C-alpha atoms as a PDB file:
ATOM      1  CA  MET A   1       0.000   0.000   0.000  1.00  0.00           C
ATOM      2  CA  LYS A   2       1.158   3.552  -0.687  1.00  0.00           C
ATOM      3  CA  LEU A   3       1.208   5.779   2.372  1.00  0.00           C
ATOM      4  CA  ALA A   4       1.468   9.559   2.622  1.00  0.00           C
ATOM      5  CA  VAL A   5       1.987  11.624   5.757  1.00  0.00           C
ATOM      6  CA  ILE A   6       0.325  15.048   5.751  1.00  0.00           C
ATOM      7  CA  ILE A   7       1.540  17.639   8.267  1.00  0.00           C
ATOM      8  CA  PRO A   8      -0.462  20.877   8.520  1.00  0.00           C
ATOM      9  CA  THR A   9       1.733  23.545  10.065  1.00  0.00           C
ATOM     10  CA  LEU A  10       1.791  27.202  11.023  1.00  0.00           C
ATOM     11  CA  GLY A  11       4.727  29.131  12.443  1.00  0.00           C
ATOM     12  CA  ARG A  12       6.752  26.076  13.491  1.00  0.00           C
ATOM     13  CA  SER A  13       9.310  25.581  10.721  1.00  0.00           C
ATOM     14  CA  GLU A  14      12.060  24.356  13.079  1.00  0.00           C
ATOM     15  CA  GLN A  15       9.710  21.824  14.647  1.00  0.00           C
ATOM     16  CA  VAL A  16       8.668  20.519  11.214  1.00  0.00           C
ATOM     17  CA  ALA A  17      12.285  20.087  10.171  1.00  0.00           C
ATOM     18  CA  ARG A  18      12.968  18.055  13.299  1.00  0.00           C
ATOM     19  CA  LEU A  19       9.879  15.898  12.758  1.00  0.00           C
ATOM     20  CA  LEU A  20      10.958  15.178   9.180  1.00  0.00           C
ATOM     21  CA  GLY A  21      14.332  14.018  10.455  1.00  0.00           C
ATOM     22  CA  TYR A  22      12.586  11.785  12.975  1.00  0.00           C
ATOM     23  CA  LEU A  23      10.349  10.257  10.280  1.00  0.00           C
ATOM     24  CA  GLY A  24      13.511   9.179   8.490  1.00  0.00           C
ATOM     25  CA  GLY A  25      14.017   6.631  11.273  1.00  0.00           C
ATOM     26  CA  GLN A  26      10.670   4.887  10.751  1.00  0.00           C
ATOM     27  CA  THR A  27      10.876   1.147  10.071  1.00  0.00           C
ATOM     28  CA  ARG A  28       8.392   1.789   7.253  1.00  0.00           C
ATOM     29  CA  LEU A  29       9.235   5.052   5.507  1.00  0.00           C
ATOM     30  CA  PRO A  30       6.405   7.210   4.164  1.00  0.00           C
ATOM     31  CA  ASP A  31       6.099   7.181   0.378  1.00  0.00           C
ATOM     32  CA  GLU A  32       5.781  10.966   0.599  1.00  0.00           C
ATOM     33  CA  VAL A  33       5.439  13.659   3.246  1.00  0.00           C
ATOM     34  CA  ILE A  34       3.244  16.623   2.341  1.00  0.00           C
ATOM     35  CA  LEU A  35       3.563  19.851   4.313  1.00  0.00           C
ATOM     36  CA  SER A  36       0.487  22.062   4.203  1.00  0.00           C
ATOM     37  CA  ALA A  37       1.052  25.704   5.163  1.00  0.00           C
ATOM     38  CA  PRO A  38      -0.174  29.196   4.278  1.00  0.00           C
ATOM     39  CA  ASP A  39       3.133  29.985   2.515  1.00  0.00           C
ATOM     40  CA  ALA A  40       6.791  28.972   2.272  1.00  0.00           C
ATOM     41  CA  SER A  41       7.828  30.963   5.351  1.00  0.00           C
ATOM     42  CA  HIS A  42       6.238  28.278   7.556  1.00  0.00           C
ATOM     43  CA  VAL A  43       8.340  25.355   6.303  1.00  0.00           C
ATOM     44  CA  GLU A  44      12.039  24.570   6.572  1.00  0.00           C
ATOM     45  CA  LEU A  45      13.148  21.462   4.733  1.00  0.00           C
ATOM     46  CA  PRO A  46      16.205  19.462   5.775  1.00  0.00           C
ATOM     47  CA  GLN A  47      19.011  19.142   3.257  1.00  0.00           C
ATOM     48  CA  SER A  48      18.202  15.501   2.571  1.00  0.00           C
ATOM     49  CA  CYS A  49      15.405  13.056   3.351  1.00  0.00           C
ATOM     50  CA  PRO A  50      15.063   9.340   2.565  1.00  0.00           C
ATOM     51  CA  PHE A  51      11.575  10.046   1.153  1.00  0.00           C
ATOM     52  CA  PRO A  52      10.016  12.722  -1.074  1.00  0.00           C
ATOM     53  CA  VAL A  53       8.822  15.897   0.644  1.00  0.00           C
ATOM     54  CA  SER A  54       6.435  18.331  -1.029  1.00  0.00           C
ATOM     55  CA  ASN A  55       4.696  21.545  -0.027  1.00  0.00           C
ATOM     56  CA  VAL A  56       1.150  22.700  -0.675  1.00  0.00           C
ATOM     57  CA  PHE A  57       0.061  26.237   0.129  1.00  0.00           C
ATOM     58  CA  GLY A  58      -3.449  27.544   0.658  1.00  0.00           C
ATOM     59  CA  PRO A  59      -5.795  29.279   3.077  1.00  0.00           C
ATOM     60  CA  LYS A  60      -4.795  29.523   6.729  1.00  0.00           C
ATOM     61  CA  GLY A  61      -6.663  27.337   9.241  1.00  0.00           C
ATOM     62  CA  LEU A  62      -6.327  23.710  10.289  1.00  0.00           C
ATOM     63  CA  ALA A  63      -9.407  22.405   8.442  1.00  0.00           C
ATOM     64  CA  ALA A  64      -8.512  24.325   5.275  1.00  0.00           C
ATOM     65  CA  GLN A  65      -4.871  23.202   5.409  1.00  0.00           C
ATOM     66  CA  ARG A  66      -5.933  19.589   5.848  1.00  0.00           C
ATOM     67  CA  ASN A  67      -8.189  19.883   2.800  1.00  0.00           C
ATOM     68  CA  THR A  68      -5.522  21.568   0.680  1.00  0.00           C
ATOM     69  CA  ALA A  69      -3.307  18.522   1.077  1.00  0.00           C
ATOM     70  CA  LEU A  70      -6.025  15.859   1.222  1.00  0.00           C
ATOM     71  CA  ALA A  71      -7.772  16.522  -2.079  1.00  0.00           C
ATOM     72  CA  PRO A  72      -4.782  15.911  -4.413  1.00  0.00           C
ATOM     73  CA  SER A  73      -3.612  12.931  -2.310  1.00  0.00           C
ATOM     74  CA  LEU A  74      -6.713  10.756  -2.495  1.00  0.00           C
ATOM     75  CA  GLY A  75      -6.025   9.255  -5.902  1.00  0.00           C
ATOM     76  CA  ARG A  76      -2.323   8.754  -5.258  1.00  0.00           C
ATOM     77  CA  PHE A  77      -2.176   6.989  -1.890  1.00  0.00           C
ATOM     78  CA  ASP A  78      -3.982   4.111  -0.186  1.00  0.00           C
ATOM     79  CA  ILE A  79      -3.366   5.415   3.342  1.00  0.00           C
ATOM     80  CA  ILE A  80      -3.237   9.059   4.385  1.00  0.00           C
ATOM     81  CA  THR A  81      -1.781   9.718   7.816  1.00  0.00           C
ATOM     82  CA  PHE A  82      -2.215  13.106   9.463  1.00  0.00           C
ATOM     83  CA  PHE A  83       0.331  14.173  12.074  1.00  0.00           C
ATOM     84  CA  ASP A  84       0.292  17.407  14.006  1.00  0.00           C
ATOM     85  CA  ASP A  85       3.630  19.136  13.636  1.00  0.00           C
ATOM     86  CA  ASP A  86       4.258  18.495  17.353  1.00  0.00           C
ATOM     87  CA  PHE A  87       3.427  14.789  17.346  1.00  0.00           C
ATOM     88  CA  VAL A  88       6.278  12.307  17.830  1.00  0.00           C
ATOM     89  CA  PRO A  89       5.470   8.796  16.537  1.00  0.00           C
ATOM     90  CA  SER A  90       7.169   5.649  17.748  1.00  0.00           C
ATOM     91  CA  GLY A  91       9.697   4.143  15.341  1.00  0.00           C
ATOM     92  CA  ARG A  92       7.278   1.443  14.122  1.00  0.00           C
ATOM     93  CA  TYR A  93       4.256   3.723  13.868  1.00  0.00           C
ATOM     94  CA  LEU A  94       3.787   3.722  10.077  1.00  0.00           C
ATOM     95  CA  GLU A  95       4.661   0.026   9.795  1.00  0.00           C
ATOM     96  CA  GLN A  96       1.936  -0.777  12.317  1.00  0.00           C
ATOM     97  CA  VAL A  97      -0.612   1.515  10.640  1.00  0.00           C
ATOM     98  CA  GLU A  98      -0.081  -0.157   7.284  1.00  0.00           C
ATOM     99  CA  LYS A  99      -0.399  -3.602   8.893  1.00  0.00           C
ATOM    100  CA  ALA A 100      -3.643  -2.558  10.583  1.00  0.00           C
ATOM    101  CA  PHE A 101      -5.254  -1.505   7.312  1.00  0.00           C
ATOM    102  CA  VAL A 102      -3.966  -4.516   5.364  1.00  0.00           C
ATOM    103  CA  GLU A 103      -5.346  -6.974   7.923  1.00  0.00           C
ATOM    104  CA  ASN A 104      -8.677  -5.222   8.559  1.00  0.00           C
ATOM    105  CA  ASP A 105     -10.693  -4.365   5.456  1.00  0.00           C
ATOM    106  CA  GLY A 106     -13.519  -2.863   7.493  1.00  0.00           C
ATOM    107  CA  TRP A 107     -11.398  -0.200   9.178  1.00  0.00           C
ATOM    108  CA  ALA A 108     -11.791   3.349   7.871  1.00  0.00           C
ATOM    109  CA  VAL A 109      -9.738   5.325  10.408  1.00  0.00           C
ATOM    110  CA  VAL A 110      -6.879   4.230  12.648  1.00  0.00           C
ATOM    111  CA  MET A 111      -5.247   6.268  15.393  1.00  0.00           C
ATOM    112  CA  GLY A 112      -2.487   5.410  17.808  1.00  0.00           C
ATOM    113  CA  ARG A 113      -2.399   5.669  21.590  1.00  0.00           C
ATOM    114  CA  VAL A 114      -1.001   8.933  22.909  1.00  0.00           C
ATOM    115  CA  VAL A 115       1.188   7.835  25.824  1.00  0.00           C
ATOM    116  CA  ARG A 116       1.829  11.420  26.951  1.00  0.00           C
ATOM    117  CA  ASP A 117      -0.008  14.567  25.881  1.00  0.00           C
ATOM    118  CA  GLY A 118       1.536  17.979  26.441  1.00  0.00           C
ATOM    119  CA  ALA A 119      -1.751  19.629  25.478  1.00  0.00           C
ATOM    120  CA  ALA A 120      -2.874  18.918  29.041  1.00  0.00           C
ATOM    121  CA  ASN A 121       0.079  20.714  30.660  1.00  0.00           C
ATOM    122  CA  ALA A 122       2.820  23.223  29.901  1.00  0.00           C
ATOM    123  CA  GLY A 123       3.997  21.122  26.971  1.00  0.00           C
ATOM    124  CA  LEU A 124       6.676  18.487  26.451  1.00  0.00           C
ATOM    125  CA  THR A 125      10.134  18.472  24.896  1.00  0.00           C
ATOM    126  CA  TRP A 126      11.556  16.049  22.373  1.00  0.00           C
ATOM    127  CA  ASP A 127      13.600  14.505  25.175  1.00  0.00           C
ATOM    128  CA  ASP A 128      10.386  13.987  27.151  1.00  0.00           C
ATOM    129  CA  ALA A 129       8.792  12.313  24.141  1.00  0.00           C
ATOM    130  CA  GLU A 130      11.695   9.991  23.475  1.00  0.00           C
ATOM    131  CA  ALA A 131      11.858   8.975  27.135  1.00  0.00           C
ATOM    132  CA  ALA A 132       8.120   8.272  27.208  1.00  0.00           C
ATOM    133  CA  LEU A 133       8.335   6.151  24.067  1.00  0.00           C
ATOM    134  CA  ARG A 134      11.310   4.184  25.428  1.00  0.00           C
ATOM    135  CA  GLU A 135       9.408   3.549  28.651  1.00  0.00           C
ATOM    136  CA  SER A 136       6.273   2.416  26.797  1.00  0.00           C
ATOM    137  CA  ASN A 137       8.077   0.246  24.255  1.00  0.00           C
ATOM    138  CA  GLY A 138       7.237  -3.402  24.793  1.00  0.00           C
ATOM    139  CA  GLN A 139       4.742  -2.716  27.563  1.00  0.00           C
ATOM    140  CA  LYS A 140       1.328  -4.272  27.102  1.00  0.00           C
ATOM    141  CA  PRO A 141      -1.393  -1.628  27.435  1.00  0.00           C
ATOM    142  CA  ASP A 142      -4.161  -2.090  29.940  1.00  0.00           C
ATOM    143  CA  GLY A 143      -7.458  -3.054  28.358  1.00  0.00           C
ATOM    144  CA  PRO A 144      -8.294  -4.166  24.815  1.00  0.00           C
ATOM    145  CA  SER A 145      -5.855  -3.887  21.921  1.00  0.00           C
ATOM    146  CA  VAL A 146      -8.460  -2.212  19.671  1.00  0.00           C
ATOM    147  CA  VAL A 147     -10.952   0.386  20.903  1.00  0.00           C
ATOM    148  CA  ASP A 148     -13.782   1.851  18.819  1.00  0.00           C
ATOM    149  CA  HIS A 149     -14.200   5.637  18.991  1.00  0.00           C
ATOM    150  CA  VAL A 150     -16.786   8.245  18.010  1.00  0.00           C
ATOM    151  CA  GLY A 151     -13.985  10.012  16.157  1.00  0.00           C
ATOM    152  CA  ALA A 152     -10.219  10.242  16.029  1.00  0.00           C
ATOM    153  CA  TYR A 153      -7.775  12.544  17.820  1.00  0.00           C
ATOM    154  CA  GLY A 154      -6.361  14.671  15.015  1.00  0.00           C
ATOM    155  CA  CYS A 155      -2.785  14.802  16.303  1.00  0.00           C
ATOM    156  CA  ASN A 156      -2.380  11.322  14.798  1.00  0.00           C
ATOM    157  CA  MET A 157      -4.965   9.714  12.548  1.00  0.00           C
ATOM    158  CA  SER A 158      -4.820   7.634   9.396  1.00  0.00           C
ATOM    159  CA  LEU A 159      -7.524   7.292   6.753  1.00  0.00           C
ATOM    160  CA  ARG A 160      -8.263   4.565   4.226  1.00  0.00           C
ATOM    161  CA  SER A 161      -8.169   6.754   1.148  1.00  0.00           C
ATOM    162  CA  SER A 162     -10.713   4.749  -0.857  1.00  0.00           C
ATOM    163  CA  LEU A 163     -13.414   5.456   1.759  1.00  0.00           C
ATOM    164  CA  VAL A 164     -13.007   9.238   1.947  1.00  0.00           C
ATOM    165  CA  GLY A 165     -14.908  10.054  -1.238  1.00  0.00           C
ATOM    166  CA  ASP A 166     -16.148  13.648  -1.280  1.00  0.00           C
ATOM    167  CA  LEU A 167     -15.891  14.076   2.492  1.00  0.00           C
ATOM    168  CA  ARG A 168     -13.817  17.091   3.545  1.00  0.00           C
ATOM    169  CA  PHE A 169     -12.930  18.887   6.761  1.00  0.00           C
ATOM    170  CA  ASP A 170     -15.439  21.603   7.606  1.00  0.00           C
ATOM    171  CA  GLU A 171     -13.794  24.937   6.852  1.00  0.00           C
ATOM    172  CA  ARG A 172     -16.388  26.795   8.918  1.00  0.00           C
ATOM    173  CA  LEU A 173     -14.282  25.523  11.846  1.00  0.00           C
ATOM    174  CA  VAL A 174     -11.681  28.218  11.282  1.00  0.00           C
ATOM    175  CA  LEU A 175      -8.162  28.799  12.618  1.00  0.00           C
ATOM    176  CA  TYR A 176      -7.316  26.081  15.182  1.00  0.00           C
ATOM    177  CA  GLY A 177     -10.408  24.183  13.989  1.00  0.00           C
ATOM    178  CA  TRP A 178     -11.518  22.897  17.405  1.00  0.00           C
ATOM    179  CA  GLN A 179     -13.187  19.458  16.908  1.00  0.00           C
ATOM    180  CA  GLU A 180     -12.705  19.410  13.130  1.00  0.00           C
ATOM    181  CA  ASP A 181     -11.018  16.010  13.557  1.00  0.00           C
ATOM    182  CA  ILE A 182     -13.987  14.481  15.410  1.00  0.00           C
ATOM    183  CA  ASP A 183     -16.422  16.001  12.903  1.00  0.00           C
ATOM    184  CA  PHE A 184     -14.604  14.461   9.921  1.00  0.00           C
ATOM    185  CA  THR A 185     -13.826  11.040  11.345  1.00  0.00           C
ATOM    186  CA  SER A 186     -17.233  10.655  12.973  1.00  0.00           C
ATOM    187  CA  GLN A 187     -18.666  10.845   9.475  1.00  0.00           C
ATOM    188  CA  MET A 188     -16.208   8.146   8.371  1.00  0.00           C
ATOM    189  CA  ARG A 189     -17.927   5.725  10.772  1.00  0.00           C
ATOM    190  CA  SER A 190     -20.681   5.217   8.187  1.00  0.00           C
ATOM    191  CA  ARG A 191     -17.987   3.814   5.873  1.00  0.00           C
ATOM    192  CA  GLY A 192     -15.986   1.673   8.320  1.00  0.00           C
ATOM    193  CA  ARG A 193     -14.746   1.401  11.894  1.00  0.00           C
ATOM    194  CA  VAL A 194     -12.896   4.247  13.594  1.00  0.00           C
ATOM    195  CA  VAL A 195     -10.444   2.637  15.998  1.00  0.00           C
ATOM    196  CA  CYS A 196      -7.516   3.240  18.286  1.00  0.00           C
ATOM    197  CA  VAL A 197      -4.899   0.493  18.113  1.00  0.00           C
ATOM    198  CA  THR A 198      -3.321   0.701  21.528  1.00  0.00           C
ATOM    199  CA  SER A 199      -0.002  -0.855  20.485  1.00  0.00           C
ATOM    200  CA  ILE A 200       0.625   2.018  18.041  1.00  0.00           C
ATOM    201  CA  LEU A 201       2.287   4.694  20.135  1.00  0.00           C
ATOM    202  CA  GLY A 202       3.129   8.362  20.005  1.00  0.00           C
ATOM    203  CA  VAL A 203       3.589  11.496  22.084  1.00  0.00           C
ATOM    204  CA  HIS A 204       1.874  14.832  21.526  1.00  0.00           C
ATOM    205  CA  LEU A 205       4.234  17.605  22.606  1.00  0.00           C
ATOM    206  CA  GLY A 206       1.468  20.192  22.945  1.00  0.00           C
ATOM    207  CA  ILE A 207       3.678  23.098  21.877  1.00  0.00           C
ATOM    208  CA  LYS A 208       1.928  26.350  22.717  1.00  0.00           C
ATOM    209  CA  THR A 209       3.276  28.584  19.928  1.00  0.00           C
ATOM    210  CA  GLY A 210       0.995  29.118  16.936  1.00  0.00           C
ATOM    211  CA  ARG A 211      -2.235  28.717  18.945  1.00  0.00           C
ATOM    212  CA  VAL A 212      -5.179  31.097  18.852  1.00  0.00           C
ATOM    213  CA  SER A 213      -5.955  33.566  21.661  1.00  0.00           C
ATOM    214  CA  GLY A 214      -7.666  32.412  24.842  1.00  0.00           C
ATOM    215  CA  LYS A 215     -10.893  34.264  24.071  1.00  0.00           C
ATOM    216  CA  ARG A 216     -11.072  32.848  20.549  1.00  0.00           C
ATOM    217  CA  PHE A 217     -10.363  29.341  21.778  1.00  0.00           C
ATOM    218  CA  GLY A 218     -12.962  29.635  24.532  1.00  0.00           C
ATOM    219  CA  TYR A 219     -15.549  30.759  22.006  1.00  0.00           C
ATOM    220  CA  SER A 220     -14.774  27.711  19.845  1.00  0.00           C
ATOM    221  CA  GLN A 221     -15.063  25.362  22.838  1.00  0.00           C
ATOM    222  CA  VAL A 222     -18.765  26.219  23.025  1.00  0.00           C
ATOM    223  CA  ALA A 223     -19.783  27.379  19.552  1.00  0.00           C
ATOM    224  CA  ASN A 224     -18.147  24.522  17.670  1.00  0.00           C
ATOM    225  CA  ALA A 225     -19.706  21.879  19.925  1.00  0.00           C
ATOM    226  CA  VAL A 226     -23.226  23.248  19.438  1.00  0.00           C
ATOM    227  CA  TYR A 227     -22.636  23.753  15.709  1.00  0.00           C
ATOM    228  CA  LEU A 228     -21.571  20.106  15.233  1.00  0.00           C
ATOM    229  CA  ILE A 229     -24.549  18.822  17.229  1.00  0.00           C
ATOM    230  CA  ARG A 230     -26.867  20.894  15.058  1.00  0.00           C
ATOM    231  CA  LYS A 231     -25.036  19.694  11.959  1.00  0.00           C
ATOM    232  CA  GLY A 232     -25.692  16.117  13.044  1.00  0.00           C
ATOM    233  CA  THR A 233     -22.132  14.824  12.693  1.00  0.00           C
ATOM    234  CA  VAL A 234     -21.133  14.606  16.356  1.00  0.00           C
ATOM    235  CA  PRO A 235     -23.530  13.123  18.945  1.00  0.00           C
ATOM    236  CA  ALA A 236     -24.637  15.366  21.799  1.00  0.00           C
ATOM    237  CA  SER A 237     -23.597  12.594  24.195  1.00  0.00           C
ATOM    238  CA  PHE A 238     -19.991  13.276  23.158  1.00  0.00           C
ATOM    239  CA  ALA A 239     -19.984  17.015  22.476  1.00  0.00           C
ATOM    240  CA  LEU A 240     -21.962  18.334  25.446  1.00  0.00           C
ATOM    241  CA  PRO A 241     -19.966  16.630  28.241  1.00  0.00           C
ATOM    242  CA  LEU A 242     -16.750  17.828  26.580  1.00  0.00           C
ATOM    243  CA  MET A 243     -18.113  21.371  26.339  1.00  0.00           C
ATOM    244  CA  PHE A 244     -19.290  21.443  29.972  1.00  0.00           C
ATOM    245  CA  ARG A 245     -15.985  19.991  31.222  1.00  0.00           C
ATOM    246  CA  ASN A 246     -14.107  22.749  29.415  1.00  0.00           C
ATOM    247  CA  ILE A 247     -16.362  25.483  30.803  1.00  0.00           C
ATOM    248  CA  ALA A 248     -16.053  24.056  34.315  1.00  0.00           C
ATOM    249  CA  ALA A 249     -12.262  23.842  34.055  1.00  0.00           C
ATOM    250  CA  ASN A 250     -12.002  27.422  32.787  1.00  0.00           C
ATOM    251  CA  LEU A 251     -14.253  28.663  35.581  1.00  0.00           C
ATOM    252  CA  ALA A 252     -12.519  26.761  38.370  1.00  0.00           C
ATOM    253  CA  LYS A 253      -8.997  27.553  37.222  1.00  0.00           C
ATOM    254  CA  SER A 254      -9.633  31.197  36.356  1.00  0.00           C
ATOM    255  CA  PHE A 255      -8.958  32.079  40.019  1.00  0.00           C
ATOM    256  CA  TRP A 256      -5.448  30.576  39.914  1.00  0.00           C
ATOM    257  CA  PRO A 257      -4.746  30.058  36.207  1.00  0.00           C
ATOM    258  CA  GLU A 258      -1.803  28.068  34.914  1.00  0.00           C
ATOM    259  CA  PRO A 259       0.883  30.329  33.414  1.00  0.00           C
ATOM    260  CA  TYR A 260       0.591  28.574  30.059  1.00  0.00           C
ATOM    261  CA  VAL A 261      -3.236  28.794  29.698  1.00  0.00           C
ATOM    262  CA  ASP A 262      -5.311  31.969  29.345  1.00  0.00           C
ATOM    263  CA  ARG A 263      -8.174  30.633  31.479  1.00  0.00           C
ATOM    264  CA  ARG A 264      -9.833  34.016  31.928  1.00  0.00           C
ATOM    265  CA  GLY A 265      -9.709  34.665  28.198  1.00  0.00           C
ATOM    266  CA  ARG A 266     -11.204  31.232  27.538  1.00  0.00           C
ATOM    267  CA  LEU A 267     -13.942  31.896  30.077  1.00  0.00           C
ATOM    268  CA  ARG A 268     -14.798  35.205  28.395  1.00  0.00           C
ATOM    269  CA  GLY A 269     -14.964  33.356  25.076  1.00  0.00           C
ATOM    270  CA  ASN A 270     -17.210  30.677  26.624  1.00  0.00           C
ATOM    271  CA  ALA A 271     -19.568  33.358  27.944  1.00  0.00           C
ATOM    272  CA  LEU A 272     -19.723  35.187  24.611  1.00  0.00           C
ATOM    273  CA  ALA A 273     -20.540  31.968  22.750  1.00  0.00           C
ATOM    274  CA  ILE A 274     -23.263  31.087  25.279  1.00  0.00           C
ATOM    275  CA  LEU A 275     -24.771  34.541  24.799  1.00  0.00           C
ATOM    276  CA  HIS A 276     -24.749  34.120  21.018  1.00  0.00           C
ATOM    277  CA  ILE A 277     -26.302  30.648  21.215  1.00  0.00           C
ATOM    278  CA  ALA A 278     -29.026  31.957  23.537  1.00  0.00           C
ATOM    279  CA  THR A 279     -29.956  34.466  20.838  1.00  0.00           C
ATOM    280  CA  GLY A 280     -29.930  31.805  18.093  1.00  0.00           C
ATOM    281  CA  ARG A 281     -26.545  32.687  16.650  1.00  0.00           C
ATOM    282  CA  ILE A 282     -24.373  29.647  15.907  1.00  0.00           C
ATOM    283  CA  GLU A 283     -21.377  30.883  13.953  1.00  0.00           C
ATOM    284  CA  PRO A 284     -17.990  29.139  14.482  1.00  0.00           C
ATOM    285  CA  GLU A 285     -16.250  31.639  12.211  1.00  0.00           C
ATOM    286  CA  TYR A 286     -17.168  34.519  14.511  1.00  0.00           C
ATOM    287  CA  ILE A 287     -13.759  34.049  16.160  1.00  0.00           C
ATOM    288  CA  LEU A 288     -12.274  35.840  13.140  1.00  0.00           C
ATOM    289  CA  LYS A 289     -13.980  38.988  14.474  1.00  0.00           C
ATOM    290  CA  ILE A 290     -12.582  38.616  18.011  1.00  0.00           C
END
């Protein structure tokens, strides 16, 4: 099977260059890596790679950048793997993804298990990631080896290209695209299983540069959830608990916020989105006006 890795990126050229070097150590090399960015200033290619690397440029925003690279890739590759530019895969990651799709015809989306996630704290370093992967290597995970999900975590997700069809990421989910991954892969469930294979490992560094403002992000935490419920692509049983957990965390931690999270800005964004929803306004792209 032919496998492409797509990496949407914004303002992290040094990180992308390091990730490309790391991908060169995969036991199964990608057939091509495609970097999707607003322009060439966001990418920095290493002098040599053991696989082809190409750039595609288009509108800014995670959903739009995913689409810019996805559309021309569908007819060329059997598997399309999306990595965030701050995701560190284990050395056998792509080998295991290919094996999963080859052995399971009914699988539409495969994601790996994130053994550490810097999105939940101040962020992780490459050294942290490598240590976590060494520690997890060879360990049997607790629970089942395959877990079905409503949707996939976009920091690492692989699609069976033949099942994508005309499905695209929703570009109304602008900028950081909060929940655009769940929206897209939840729709893939009508075409095959969406699973996490717990033996496929990786670490999400959770780098904080290149993120949207706290108020914008807080608005998306509420507006995007309600929008996707209304759209019918994400069940309320998934979206509403996530939304309420985020609001509760922003409220509780706004008194003593972490230095790396703008909790008060997020809370203001939450409140603005709730006000808009109460008046019948459901507009994810409103964050462009904040």
